């Protein structure tokens, strides 16, 4: 062991970034430990985030398809009955299997799990619960938590004002749910309960939902959610929430100022974003400061300003995405082991797992225009895609943004039932510096949703076939 440390690497946090970093470090021959205070591994993503929300989204889609008549159009006539406890049970089972899988992988790769909350004593010494552990390199991978809304108290146990964790645990379908925030998490969880029978109102401070996504995508998503029965209250801010018994009363006013109004709900979901988990780590003891957003600044090898301490995932600048953290987990382990870790932060896809799904990678049209480069755009509607047509999935489109002079693909944006899967092809193409012509002249299987990407790429040159 180098310099008589207990470990070569200690990872703080076992989320997607942390557990991947720990496993990769161990694979590379480094003696590795991972500190985690939860009873199970996997962080927010596996326990109360990505995984359980997808379990509920998937199950609610089946219920909605049976209830709204779309299955009947396919010749399958059923009268559904909601068994919410069973729906929750399958969610919990998925979480149990996946978090247990991480524990198995730790044992397989000889990663020591140090159970407890970790606090720095110095740059190479960390107290984990009642144990003190030393490591040559410490990696902070503590993830993020829900951003609170000032003046609004979340109490998941009561089920009236909840955050994303509480919204997964509701014991009954609320008659009326108000979602505060028109971002990814709010729209996903709002969609779950809308499909199961709740009246859902989404209140967003900005003039459009899904901030940061391509403008065409945001406009189309707005139309789709409205068609699905989600009421969108845009350019509106929540100034207060009071709870009386099992009811909540929200006070709203226009974002630009003006007369206030009240809105009553059975459940309020506070979903205005996430913030880095850095409190309680003892960063002051090692002289490590955070930036104005509470993030830890790092260099290209994920080194912080403190020698021997690195950071990855949601605690550093960049999108708070599990797959971004995973790639950084691989890379930081490889840097520590003396190899070259690679993460192309310009090609990280983002996905909204609503129905249809919404996905994008690279630049939006607005961002591309801001660079000053001349661009060409190809769009293809899913309505004209044969597989989407036969599946009765007409909503959405594929949009390819390419640099006019070189034809290099700058961004791809998709609304389709399987957009989250389709976007991987676009990301791979961009990783290899592909042109729209490269995608257009790559043979795509027929009939598939992915043919819409081929057609959109052909549209960049003004020559799509099926529109």
Protein backbone atom coordinates (compact mmCIF):
# COMPACT_ATOMS: atom_id res chain seq x y z
CA UNK A 1 0.00 0.00 0.00
CA UNK A 2 1.51 3.32 -1.14
CA UNK A 3 2.70 5.51 1.73
CA UNK A 4 1.06 3.18 4.26
CA UNK A 5 -2.51 4.31 3.52
CA UNK A 6 -5.37 1.90 4.18
CA UNK A 7 -6.51 2.22 0.57
CA UNK A 8 -5.29 3.51 -2.76
CA UNK A 9 -8.73 5.00 -3.41
CA UNK A 10 -11.68 5.88 -1.21
CA UNK A 11 -14.88 6.87 -3.01
CA UNK A 12 -17.41 8.88 -1.00
CA UNK A 13 -20.86 7.99 -2.32
CA UNK A 14 -22.16 4.90 -4.13
CA UNK A 15 -24.41 6.47 -6.76
CA UNK A 16 -23.85 5.84 -10.49
CA UNK A 17 -20.62 7.83 -10.42
CA UNK A 18 -19.32 6.45 -7.14
CA UNK A 19 -20.01 2.76 -7.58
CA UNK A 20 -18.71 2.77 -11.16
CA UNK A 21 -15.54 4.57 -10.05
CA UNK A 22 -15.05 2.06 -7.22
CA UNK A 23 -15.52 -1.00 -9.44
CA UNK A 24 -13.28 0.38 -12.19
CA UNK A 25 -10.55 1.33 -9.72
CA UNK A 26 -10.60 -2.17 -8.27
CA UNK A 27 -10.48 -3.69 -11.76
CA UNK A 28 -7.35 -1.63 -12.41
CA UNK A 29 -5.62 -3.17 -9.38
CA UNK A 30 -6.17 -0.39 -6.85
CA UNK A 31 -7.20 -1.28 -3.31
CA UNK A 32 -10.57 0.43 -3.12
CA UNK A 33 -13.24 1.31 -0.58
CA UNK A 34 -16.56 3.09 -0.98
CA UNK A 35 -18.28 5.02 1.81
CA UNK A 36 -22.08 5.01 1.74
CA UNK A 37 -24.52 6.03 4.49
CA UNK A 38 -27.65 4.48 2.95
CA UNK A 39 -28.69 0.95 3.85
CA UNK A 40 -28.37 0.04 0.18
CA UNK A 41 -25.93 0.99 -2.57
CA UNK A 42 -26.79 2.87 -5.77
CA UNK A 43 -27.41 6.40 -4.48
CA UNK A 44 -30.43 8.49 -5.38
CA UNK A 45 -30.64 7.03 -8.89
CA UNK A 46 -31.21 3.40 -7.97
CA UNK A 47 -33.02 3.96 -4.68
CA UNK A 48 -35.39 6.90 -5.14
CA UNK A 49 -34.67 8.39 -8.55
CA UNK A 50 -34.10 7.08 -12.07
CA UNK A 51 -34.96 3.44 -11.47
CA UNK A 52 -38.12 3.57 -9.33
CA UNK A 53 -39.54 6.44 -11.37
CA UNK A 54 -39.10 4.43 -14.58
CA UNK A 55 -40.83 1.47 -12.96
CA UNK A 56 -43.83 3.68 -12.20
CA UNK A 57 -43.76 5.35 -15.61
CA UNK A 58 -43.77 2.01 -17.39
CA UNK A 59 -46.56 0.55 -15.27
CA UNK A 60 -48.71 3.68 -15.56
CA UNK A 61 -48.31 3.62 -19.35
CA UNK A 62 -49.88 0.15 -19.43
CA UNK A 63 -52.77 1.31 -17.26
CA UNK A 64 -53.33 4.40 -19.37
CA UNK A 65 -53.24 2.43 -22.63
CA UNK A 66 -55.95 0.16 -21.27
CA UNK A 67 -58.01 2.96 -19.76
CA UNK A 68 -57.96 5.52 -22.58
CA UNK A 69 -58.89 3.16 -25.38
CA UNK A 70 -55.58 2.98 -27.22
CA UNK A 71 -55.36 -0.78 -26.58
CA UNK A 72 -58.89 -1.15 -27.90
CA UNK A 73 -57.74 0.38 -31.20
CA UNK A 74 -55.37 -2.56 -31.51
CA UNK A 75 -58.16 -5.04 -30.93
CA UNK A 76 -57.40 -5.63 -27.24
CA UNK A 77 -60.46 -4.76 -25.20
CA UNK A 78 -59.97 -4.66 -21.43
CA UNK A 79 -61.40 -2.84 -18.44
CA UNK A 80 -58.45 -2.03 -16.17
CA UNK A 81 -58.54 -1.92 -12.38
CA UNK A 82 -55.74 -0.08 -10.62
CA UNK A 83 -53.92 -2.08 -7.96
CA UNK A 84 -51.61 0.63 -6.62
CA UNK A 85 -50.02 -1.51 -3.88
CA UNK A 86 -49.00 -4.05 -6.51
CA UNK A 87 -47.63 -1.27 -8.71
CA UNK A 88 -45.54 -0.01 -5.80
CA UNK A 89 -44.42 -3.57 -5.04
CA UNK A 90 -42.97 -4.11 -8.51
CA UNK A 91 -41.16 -0.78 -8.18
CA UNK A 92 -39.63 -1.81 -4.87
CA UNK A 93 -38.67 -5.21 -6.27
CA UNK A 94 -36.81 -3.59 -9.17
CA UNK A 95 -34.92 -1.37 -6.73
CA UNK A 96 -34.09 -4.33 -4.47
CA UNK A 97 -32.70 -6.38 -7.33
CA UNK A 98 -30.58 -3.59 -8.76
CA UNK A 99 -29.17 -2.28 -5.48
CA UNK A 100 -28.44 -5.88 -4.49
CA UNK A 101 -26.67 -6.27 -7.81
CA UNK A 102 -24.28 -3.44 -6.92
CA UNK A 103 -23.50 -5.12 -3.59
CA UNK A 104 -22.71 -8.33 -5.51
CA UNK A 105 -20.42 -6.44 -7.89
CA UNK A 106 -18.59 -4.87 -4.94
CA UNK A 107 -17.89 -8.33 -3.51
CA UNK A 108 -16.92 -9.70 -6.92
CA UNK A 109 -14.41 -6.89 -7.48
CA UNK A 110 -13.21 -6.79 -3.85
CA UNK A 111 -14.46 -3.26 -3.14
CA UNK A 112 -14.88 -2.65 0.60
CA UNK A 113 -18.17 -0.99 1.54
CA UNK A 114 -17.65 1.36 4.48
CA UNK A 115 -21.12 1.94 5.92
CA UNK A 116 -21.71 5.39 7.36
CA UNK A 117 -21.61 9.11 6.65
CA UNK A 118 -18.15 10.28 5.57
CA UNK A 119 -16.42 13.40 6.91
CA UNK A 120 -12.93 14.63 6.02
CA UNK A 121 -10.41 14.85 8.84
CA UNK A 122 -7.66 15.86 6.43
CA UNK A 123 -7.10 15.38 2.68
CA UNK A 124 -6.21 11.70 3.11
CA UNK A 125 -8.18 10.82 6.23
CA UNK A 126 -11.93 10.33 6.33
CA UNK A 127 -14.11 9.35 9.25
CA UNK A 128 -16.87 6.98 8.16
CA UNK A 129 -19.31 6.40 10.98
CA UNK A 130 -17.12 5.29 13.90
CA UNK A 131 -14.25 4.19 11.67
CA UNK A 132 -11.35 6.27 10.40
CA UNK A 133 -10.05 5.40 6.94
CA UNK A 134 -6.99 6.71 5.09
CA UNK A 135 -6.50 6.74 1.33
CA UNK A 136 -3.92 8.07 -1.10
CA UNK A 137 -6.75 9.49 -3.24
CA UNK A 138 -10.26 10.40 -2.12
CA UNK A 139 -13.01 10.87 -4.71
CA UNK A 140 -16.08 12.91 -3.78
CA UNK A 141 -19.12 11.42 -5.52
CA UNK A 142 -21.90 12.43 -3.16
CA UNK A 143 -24.46 13.39 -5.80
CA UNK A 144 -27.28 15.86 -5.31
CA UNK A 145 -30.54 16.36 -3.45
CA UNK A 146 -33.81 18.18 -4.03
CA UNK A 147 -33.61 21.96 -4.10
CA UNK A 148 -36.03 23.34 -1.50
CA UNK A 149 -38.50 26.07 -2.36
CA UNK A 150 -38.20 28.91 0.17
CA UNK A 151 -41.21 29.09 2.44
CA UNK A 152 -42.55 25.69 1.39
CA UNK A 153 -42.14 22.81 3.83
CA UNK A 154 -41.93 19.32 2.34
CA UNK A 155 -43.33 16.50 4.48
CA UNK A 156 -43.25 13.25 2.54
CA UNK A 157 -44.81 11.29 5.39
CA UNK A 158 -48.05 13.30 5.19
CA UNK A 159 -48.17 13.01 1.40
CA UNK A 160 -49.59 16.51 0.88
CA UNK A 161 -46.46 18.53 0.04
CA UNK A 162 -43.84 16.13 -1.31
CA UNK A 163 -40.58 16.05 -3.21
CA UNK A 164 -39.68 13.50 -5.88
CA UNK A 165 -39.07 10.80 -3.26
CA UNK A 166 -42.46 11.34 -1.67
CA UNK A 167 -44.18 11.44 -5.05
CA UNK A 168 -43.05 7.86 -5.65
CA UNK A 169 -44.61 6.68 -2.40
CA UNK A 170 -48.13 8.12 -2.55
CA UNK A 171 -50.56 5.59 -1.06
CA UNK A 172 -53.46 6.72 -3.25
CA UNK A 173 -54.01 8.66 -6.44
CA UNK A 174 -54.59 12.33 -5.59
CA UNK A 175 -57.65 13.98 -7.10
CA UNK A 176 -55.64 17.10 -7.92
CA UNK A 177 -51.85 17.36 -8.02
CA UNK A 178 -49.93 20.58 -8.55
CA UNK A 179 -46.37 20.17 -9.79
CA UNK A 180 -44.10 23.13 -9.05
CA UNK A 181 -41.50 23.17 -11.82
CA UNK A 182 -41.74 22.25 -15.49
CA UNK A 183 -38.47 20.35 -15.69
CA UNK A 184 -37.70 16.69 -16.28
CA UNK A 185 -38.55 15.24 -12.87
CA UNK A 186 -41.77 17.18 -12.41
CA UNK A 187 -43.09 16.26 -15.85
CA UNK A 188 -42.16 12.58 -15.47
CA UNK A 189 -43.79 12.14 -12.07
CA UNK A 190 -46.70 14.38 -12.99
CA UNK A 191 -47.26 12.12 -16.01
CA UNK A 192 -47.37 9.03 -13.78
CA UNK A 193 -50.17 10.35 -11.58
CA UNK A 194 -52.06 11.95 -14.49
CA UNK A 195 -52.18 8.56 -16.21
CA UNK A 196 -53.42 6.93 -13.02
CA UNK A 197 -56.30 9.40 -12.78
CA UNK A 198 -55.13 12.59 -11.10
CA UNK A 199 -55.86 16.06 -12.40
CA UNK A 200 -52.37 17.53 -12.86
CA UNK A 201 -51.43 21.20 -13.05
CA UNK A 202 -47.81 22.14 -13.71
CA UNK A 203 -46.71 25.59 -12.56
CA UNK A 204 -43.52 26.90 -14.21
CA UNK A 205 -41.82 30.22 -13.55
CA UNK A 206 -40.39 30.43 -17.08
CA UNK A 207 -42.47 31.01 -20.22
CA UNK A 208 -41.85 27.46 -21.44
CA UNK A 209 -41.27 23.98 -20.00
CA UNK A 210 -38.06 21.92 -20.20
CA UNK A 211 -35.44 24.68 -19.87
CA UNK A 212 -32.22 24.01 -21.74
CA UNK A 213 -33.80 21.90 -24.47
CA UNK A 214 -34.22 22.83 -28.12
CA UNK A 215 -36.92 25.43 -28.76
CA UNK A 216 -38.87 23.27 -31.23
CA UNK A 217 -38.84 20.41 -28.73
CA UNK A 218 -40.12 22.63 -25.94
CA UNK A 219 -42.98 23.94 -28.06
CA UNK A 220 -44.01 20.51 -29.28
CA UNK A 221 -43.77 19.01 -25.79
CA UNK A 222 -46.03 21.79 -24.55
CA UNK A 223 -48.70 20.77 -27.06
CA UNK A 224 -48.34 17.07 -26.29
CA UNK A 225 -48.66 17.47 -22.51
CA UNK A 226 -51.70 19.69 -22.92
CA UNK A 227 -53.28 17.07 -25.19
CA UNK A 228 -52.61 14.47 -22.52
CA UNK A 229 -54.53 16.53 -19.98
CA UNK A 230 -51.73 18.22 -18.05
CA UNK A 231 -52.56 21.88 -17.49
CA UNK A 232 -49.50 24.11 -17.88
CA UNK A 233 -49.42 27.38 -15.97
CA UNK A 234 -46.39 29.13 -17.47
CA UNK A 235 -44.74 32.43 -16.44
CA UNK A 236 -46.17 31.84 -12.98
CA UNK A 237 -44.45 31.70 -9.61
CA UNK A 238 -45.52 30.05 -6.38
CA UNK A 239 -45.19 32.47 -3.49
CA UNK A 240 -46.51 30.22 -0.74
CA UNK A 241 -48.07 26.90 0.20
CA UNK A 242 -50.17 26.31 3.31
CA UNK A 243 -51.43 22.95 4.49
CA UNK A 244 -54.63 22.29 6.38
CA UNK A 245 -55.44 18.66 7.02
CA UNK A 246 -55.14 16.75 3.76
CA UNK A 247 -55.37 19.83 1.54
CA UNK A 248 -52.79 22.35 0.35
CA UNK A 249 -53.47 25.90 -0.81
CA UNK A 250 -50.96 27.51 -3.13
CA UNK A 251 -50.58 31.22 -3.71
CA UNK A 252 -49.61 32.07 -7.28
CA UNK A 253 -48.77 35.26 -9.10
CA UNK A 254 -47.48 36.16 -12.58
CA UNK A 255 -43.70 35.89 -12.89
CA UNK A 256 -43.60 39.49 -14.11
CA UNK A 257 -45.64 40.64 -11.13
CA UNK A 258 -49.32 41.25 -10.70
CA UNK A 259 -52.37 40.12 -8.78
CA UNK A 260 -52.09 36.88 -6.85
CA UNK A 261 -54.52 33.95 -6.85
CA UNK A 262 -54.95 30.76 -4.86
CA UNK A 263 -55.12 27.16 -6.01
CA UNK A 264 -56.15 24.16 -3.91
CA UNK A 265 -54.67 20.70 -4.30
CA UNK A 266 -54.60 17.28 -2.65
CA UNK A 267 -50.90 16.91 -3.37
CA UNK A 268 -48.14 19.39 -4.23
CA UNK A 269 -44.92 18.12 -5.81
CA UNK A 270 -41.99 20.47 -5.33
CA UNK A 271 -39.65 19.87 -8.25
CA UNK A 272 -37.58 22.96 -8.99
CA UNK A 273 -34.22 21.29 -9.44
CA UNK A 274 -31.39 19.69 -7.49
CA UNK A 275 -28.36 20.95 -5.58
CA UNK A 276 -24.93 19.36 -4.91
CA UNK A 277 -24.50 17.34 -1.71
CA UNK A 278 -21.46 18.95 -0.12
CA UNK A 279 -22.74 19.91 3.34
CA UNK A 280 -21.37 17.91 6.24
CA UNK A 281 -18.37 16.56 4.32
CA UNK A 282 -15.94 18.73 6.27
CA UNK A 283 -14.62 20.46 3.16
CA UNK A 284 -13.54 23.36 5.37
CA UNK A 285 -11.12 21.04 7.17
CA UNK A 286 -9.21 20.44 3.94
CA UNK A 287 -9.51 23.99 2.61
CA UNK A 288 -11.79 23.07 -0.29
CA UNK A 289 -14.29 25.76 -1.25
CA UNK A 290 -17.34 25.45 -3.51
CA UNK A 291 -18.38 27.89 -6.22
CA UNK A 292 -21.47 30.12 -6.12
CA UNK A 293 -23.68 27.20 -7.15
CA UNK A 294 -22.32 24.99 -4.40
CA UNK A 295 -20.30 22.89 -6.85
CA UNK A 296 -16.72 21.70 -6.56
CA UNK A 297 -14.50 22.94 -9.38
CA UNK A 298 -12.19 20.37 -10.98
CA UNK A 299 -9.65 20.18 -13.78
CA UNK A 300 -9.66 17.85 -16.78
CA UNK A 301 -8.56 14.93 -14.60
CA UNK A 302 -11.23 15.66 -11.95
CA UNK A 303 -8.64 16.95 -9.48
CA UNK A 304 -9.83 19.56 -7.02
CA UNK A 305 -7.68 22.37 -5.67
CA UNK A 306 -6.65 20.04 -2.82
CA UNK A 307 -3.92 17.54 -3.60
CA UNK A 308 -5.19 13.95 -3.40
CA UNK A 309 -8.89 14.87 -3.60
CA UNK A 310 -10.95 14.50 -6.78
CA UNK A 311 -14.66 14.91 -7.51
CA UNK A 312 -17.18 13.66 -10.06
CA UNK A 313 -20.89 13.64 -10.85
CA UNK A 314 -23.51 16.02 -9.56
CA UNK A 315 -21.13 17.81 -7.20
CA UNK A 316 -19.12 19.26 -10.09
CA UNK A 317 -20.26 21.59 -12.92
CA UNK A 318 -22.27 20.08 -15.76
CA UNK A 319 -25.62 18.37 -16.20
CA UNK A 320 -26.83 16.32 -13.23
CA UNK A 321 -27.26 13.06 -15.11
CA UNK A 322 -26.54 9.51 -13.97
CA UNK A 323 -24.82 8.54 -17.23
CA UNK A 324 -22.59 11.61 -17.10
CA UNK A 325 -21.55 10.59 -13.58
CA UNK A 326 -20.92 7.00 -14.72
CA UNK A 327 -18.59 8.11 -17.50
CA UNK A 328 -16.77 10.39 -15.06
CA UNK A 329 -16.52 7.47 -12.62
CA UNK A 330 -14.75 5.38 -15.25
CA UNK A 331 -12.50 8.25 -16.24
CA UNK A 332 -11.44 9.31 -12.74
CA UNK A 333 -10.48 5.73 -11.86
CA UNK A 334 -8.40 5.49 -15.01
CA UNK A 335 -6.66 8.81 -14.29
CA UNK A 336 -5.86 7.66 -10.75
CA UNK A 337 -4.45 4.39 -12.11
CA UNK A 338 -2.11 6.31 -14.43
CA UNK A 339 -4.17 5.81 -17.56
CA UNK A 340 -6.06 8.37 -19.67
CA UNK A 341 -9.68 8.86 -18.71
CA UNK A 342 -11.96 10.21 -21.43
CA UNK A 343 -15.31 11.98 -21.12
CA UNK A 344 -16.59 14.06 -24.03
CA UNK A 345 -18.80 16.52 -22.17
CA UNK A 346 -20.00 17.97 -25.49
CA UNK A 347 -21.74 14.68 -26.33
CA UNK A 348 -23.85 13.75 -23.31
CA UNK A 349 -27.46 12.87 -24.16
CA UNK A 350 -30.39 13.96 -22.03
CA UNK A 351 -33.73 12.15 -21.88
CA UNK A 352 -37.19 12.87 -20.49
CA UNK A 353 -38.96 9.55 -19.93
CA UNK A 354 -42.49 10.74 -20.52
CA UNK A 355 -44.74 9.28 -23.21
CA UNK A 356 -43.54 10.00 -25.83
CA UNK A 357 -39.95 10.27 -24.66
CA UNK A 358 -37.93 13.40 -25.34
CA UNK A 359 -34.19 13.24 -25.98
CA UNK A 360 -31.37 15.41 -27.21
CA UNK A 361 -27.62 15.51 -27.59
CA UNK A 362 -25.26 18.31 -28.57
CA UNK A 363 -26.32 21.86 -29.38
CA UNK A 364 -29.84 23.19 -29.60
CA UNK A 365 -30.70 25.30 -32.63
CA UNK A 366 -30.50 28.38 -30.42
CA UNK A 367 -27.04 27.43 -29.12
CA UNK A 368 -25.81 26.62 -32.62
CA UNK A 369 -26.91 30.05 -33.86
CA UNK A 370 -25.12 31.70 -30.95
CA UNK A 371 -21.80 30.24 -32.16
CA UNK A 372 -22.12 32.32 -35.32
CA UNK A 373 -21.76 29.29 -37.56
CA UNK A 374 -24.12 28.79 -40.48
CA UNK A 375 -26.29 25.75 -39.92
CA UNK A 376 -28.65 23.49 -41.85
CA UNK A 377 -31.56 21.65 -40.28
CA UNK A 378 -33.45 18.52 -41.24
CA UNK A 379 -36.72 17.54 -39.56
CA UNK A 380 -38.83 14.45 -39.99
CA UNK A 381 -42.22 13.87 -38.31
CA UNK A 382 -42.90 10.57 -36.55
CA UNK A 383 -46.32 10.67 -38.21
CA UNK A 384 -44.57 9.74 -41.47
CA UNK A 385 -42.55 6.91 -39.91
CA UNK A 386 -43.98 3.50 -40.77
CA UNK A 387 -43.27 1.84 -37.41
CA UNK A 388 -44.72 4.77 -35.47
CA UNK A 389 -47.75 4.65 -37.78
CA UNK A 390 -48.44 0.96 -37.21
CA UNK A 391 -47.93 1.40 -33.46
CA UNK A 392 -50.35 4.36 -33.37
CA UNK A 393 -47.53 6.61 -32.08
CA UNK A 394 -47.80 9.71 -34.28
CA UNK A 395 -46.48 12.37 -31.90
CA UNK A 396 -43.05 13.89 -32.26
CA UNK A 397 -40.24 14.39 -34.73
CA UNK A 398 -36.50 14.06 -35.25
CA UNK A 399 -34.42 17.18 -35.78
CA UNK A 400 -30.83 17.12 -37.01
CA UNK A 401 -28.69 20.26 -36.79
CA UNK A 402 -25.55 20.33 -38.92
CA UNK A 403 -22.87 22.87 -39.73
CA UNK A 404 -23.58 24.14 -43.24
CA UNK A 405 -19.98 24.22 -44.49
CA UNK A 406 -18.71 20.89 -43.16
CA UNK A 407 -22.04 19.04 -42.70
CA UNK A 408 -20.78 17.92 -39.28
CA UNK A 409 -23.66 17.08 -36.93
CA UNK A 410 -23.90 19.61 -34.09
CA UNK A 411 -27.04 18.37 -32.36
CA UNK A 412 -29.95 15.95 -32.59
CA UNK A 413 -33.33 16.34 -30.88
CA UNK A 414 -36.05 13.72 -30.79
CA UNK A 415 -39.60 13.33 -29.54
CA UNK A 416 -40.72 9.72 -30.02
CA UNK A 417 -41.88 6.81 -27.92
CA UNK A 418 -38.35 5.35 -27.96
CA UNK A 419 -36.38 8.61 -28.19
CA UNK A 420 -34.19 7.60 -25.23
CA UNK A 421 -32.94 4.60 -27.20
CA UNK A 422 -32.76 6.38 -30.56
CA UNK A 423 -30.52 9.16 -29.19
CA UNK A 424 -27.66 6.70 -28.64
CA UNK A 425 -27.13 6.42 -32.40
CA UNK A 426 -26.93 10.19 -32.66
CA UNK A 427 -24.46 10.39 -29.77
CA UNK A 428 -22.27 7.68 -31.31
CA UNK A 429 -22.31 9.45 -34.66
CA UNK A 430 -21.30 12.75 -33.07
CA UNK A 431 -18.57 11.05 -31.02
CA UNK A 432 -16.99 9.98 -34.30
CA UNK A 433 -17.46 13.40 -35.90
CA UNK A 434 -20.11 12.19 -38.33
CA UNK A 435 -21.75 14.34 -40.97
CA UNK A 436 -25.49 14.29 -41.63
CA UNK A 437 -24.63 12.50 -44.87
CA UNK A 438 -22.93 9.72 -42.86
CA UNK A 439 -26.19 9.08 -41.01
CA UNK A 440 -28.31 9.49 -44.14
CA UNK A 441 -26.35 6.88 -46.08
CA UNK A 442 -26.17 4.35 -43.24
CA UNK A 443 -28.66 1.56 -43.86
CA UNK A 444 -31.36 1.48 -41.17
CA UNK A 445 -33.56 -1.58 -40.57
CA UNK A 446 -37.16 -1.30 -41.77
CA UNK A 447 -39.61 -0.77 -40.23
CA UNK A 448 -38.06 0.94 -37.20
CA UNK A 449 -38.45 4.24 -35.40
CA UNK A 450 -34.75 4.91 -36.10
CA UNK A 451 -35.49 5.40 -39.79
CA UNK A 452 -36.83 8.81 -38.75
CA UNK A 453 -33.28 9.82 -37.81
CA UNK A 454 -32.04 8.70 -41.23
CA UNK A 455 -34.80 10.72 -42.93
CA UNK A 456 -34.08 13.82 -40.82
CA UNK A 457 -30.41 13.53 -41.76
CA UNK A 458 -31.42 13.28 -45.42
CA UNK A 459 -33.53 16.38 -44.86
CA UNK A 460 -30.43 18.39 -43.98
CA UNK A 461 -29.53 18.18 -47.68
CA UNK A 462 -33.14 18.74 -48.69
CA UNK A 463 -33.78 15.22 -49.93
CA UNK A 464 -35.92 13.16 -47.51
CA UNK A 465 -37.89 10.38 -49.17
CA UNK A 466 -41.06 9.97 -47.16
CA UNK A 467 -42.27 13.57 -46.81
